[in-house]
């Protein structure tokens, strides 16, 4: 590689990976507290009411950092790509 070569980074893939990691951590925190994680996450997505997500392990703060539209787009894309 010469000094004129450009390196590109897949920013979208990194962002999707970050969303997946956050969603996985939220899922695990909800399960640890005895909630049904799917129902709670769906409730949060539909209402954007943060009380659907436990504070356990910082789950509520983590999911609040993700734009709900981006979360839905990532979920739909992941579902359709698999």
Protein backbone atom coordinates (compact mmCIF):
# COMPACT_ATOMS: atom_id res chain seq x y z
CA UNK A 1 0.00 0.00 0.00
CA UNK A 2 1.31 3.40 -0.96
CA UNK A 3 0.64 6.70 0.75
CA UNK A 4 -1.91 7.51 -1.99
CA UNK A 5 -4.13 4.48 -1.24
CA UNK A 6 -7.35 5.22 0.56
CA UNK A 7 -8.63 2.99 3.27
CA UNK A 8 -12.39 2.78 3.66
CA UNK A 9 -14.21 1.61 6.73
CA UNK A 10 -17.69 0.10 6.70
CA UNK A 11 -19.32 2.64 9.02
CA UNK A 12 -22.83 1.29 8.47
CA UNK A 13 -21.72 -2.22 9.45
CA UNK A 14 -20.08 -0.85 12.60
CA UNK A 15 -23.23 1.05 13.52
CA UNK A 16 -25.41 -2.01 12.98
CA UNK A 17 -23.02 -4.08 15.08
CA UNK A 18 -23.25 -1.47 17.85
CA UNK A 19 -27.05 -1.59 17.73
CA UNK A 20 -26.99 -5.39 17.84
CA UNK A 21 -24.62 -5.38 20.81
CA UNK A 22 -26.83 -2.90 22.65
CA UNK A 23 -29.99 -4.84 21.91
CA UNK A 24 -28.34 -8.07 23.04
CA UNK A 25 -27.21 -6.46 26.31
CA UNK A 26 -30.72 -5.07 26.90
CA UNK A 27 -32.23 -8.49 26.14
CA UNK A 28 -29.87 -10.16 28.62
CA UNK A 29 -30.58 -7.58 31.35
CA UNK A 30 -34.34 -8.04 30.93
CA UNK A 31 -34.01 -11.82 31.05
CA UNK A 32 -31.81 -11.62 34.17
CA UNK A 33 -34.50 -9.59 35.93
CA UNK A 34 -37.17 -12.15 35.03
CA UNK A 35 -38.97 -10.18 32.31
CA UNK A 36 -40.02 -11.47 28.90
CA UNK A 37 -37.39 -9.62 26.84
CA UNK A 38 -39.23 -9.78 23.52
CA UNK A 39 -42.45 -8.35 24.96
CA UNK A 40 -40.58 -5.61 26.81
CA UNK A 41 -38.49 -4.58 23.80
CA UNK A 42 -41.55 -4.55 21.52
CA UNK A 43 -43.40 -2.44 24.08
CA UNK A 44 -40.51 -0.01 24.17
CA UNK A 45 -40.29 0.21 20.39
CA UNK A 46 -44.02 0.78 19.97
CA UNK A 47 -44.40 3.32 22.75
CA UNK A 48 -40.87 4.67 23.25
CA UNK A 49 -41.69 4.47 26.96
CA UNK A 50 -38.37 3.82 28.72
CA UNK A 51 -40.05 2.08 31.65
CA UNK A 52 -40.39 -1.03 29.48
CA UNK A 53 -36.62 -1.43 29.85
CA UNK A 54 -35.00 -2.22 33.19
CA UNK A 55 -32.23 -0.08 34.64
CA UNK A 56 -30.37 -3.31 35.45
CA UNK A 57 -26.82 -3.21 34.00
CA UNK A 58 -27.52 0.19 32.45
CA UNK A 59 -29.91 -1.30 29.89
CA UNK A 60 -32.31 1.66 29.84
CA UNK A 61 -29.53 4.19 29.31
CA UNK A 62 -27.98 2.07 26.57
CA UNK A 63 -31.15 1.62 24.54
CA UNK A 64 -32.05 5.30 24.94
CA UNK A 65 -28.91 6.20 22.97
CA UNK A 66 -30.30 4.46 19.87
CA UNK A 67 -32.75 6.29 17.65
CA UNK A 68 -35.94 4.23 17.52
CA UNK A 69 -36.20 4.51 13.72
CA UNK A 70 -32.64 3.26 13.33
CA UNK A 71 -33.41 0.39 15.67
CA UNK A 72 -36.44 -0.61 13.61
CA UNK A 73 -34.54 -0.31 10.33
CA UNK A 74 -31.74 -2.48 11.65
CA UNK A 75 -34.18 -5.10 12.95
CA UNK A 76 -36.11 -5.28 9.67
CA UNK A 77 -32.92 -5.36 7.60
CA UNK A 78 -31.47 -8.11 9.77
CA UNK A 79 -34.67 -10.15 9.58
CA UNK A 80 -34.93 -9.87 5.80
CA UNK A 81 -31.21 -10.46 5.17
CA UNK A 82 -31.24 -13.71 7.14
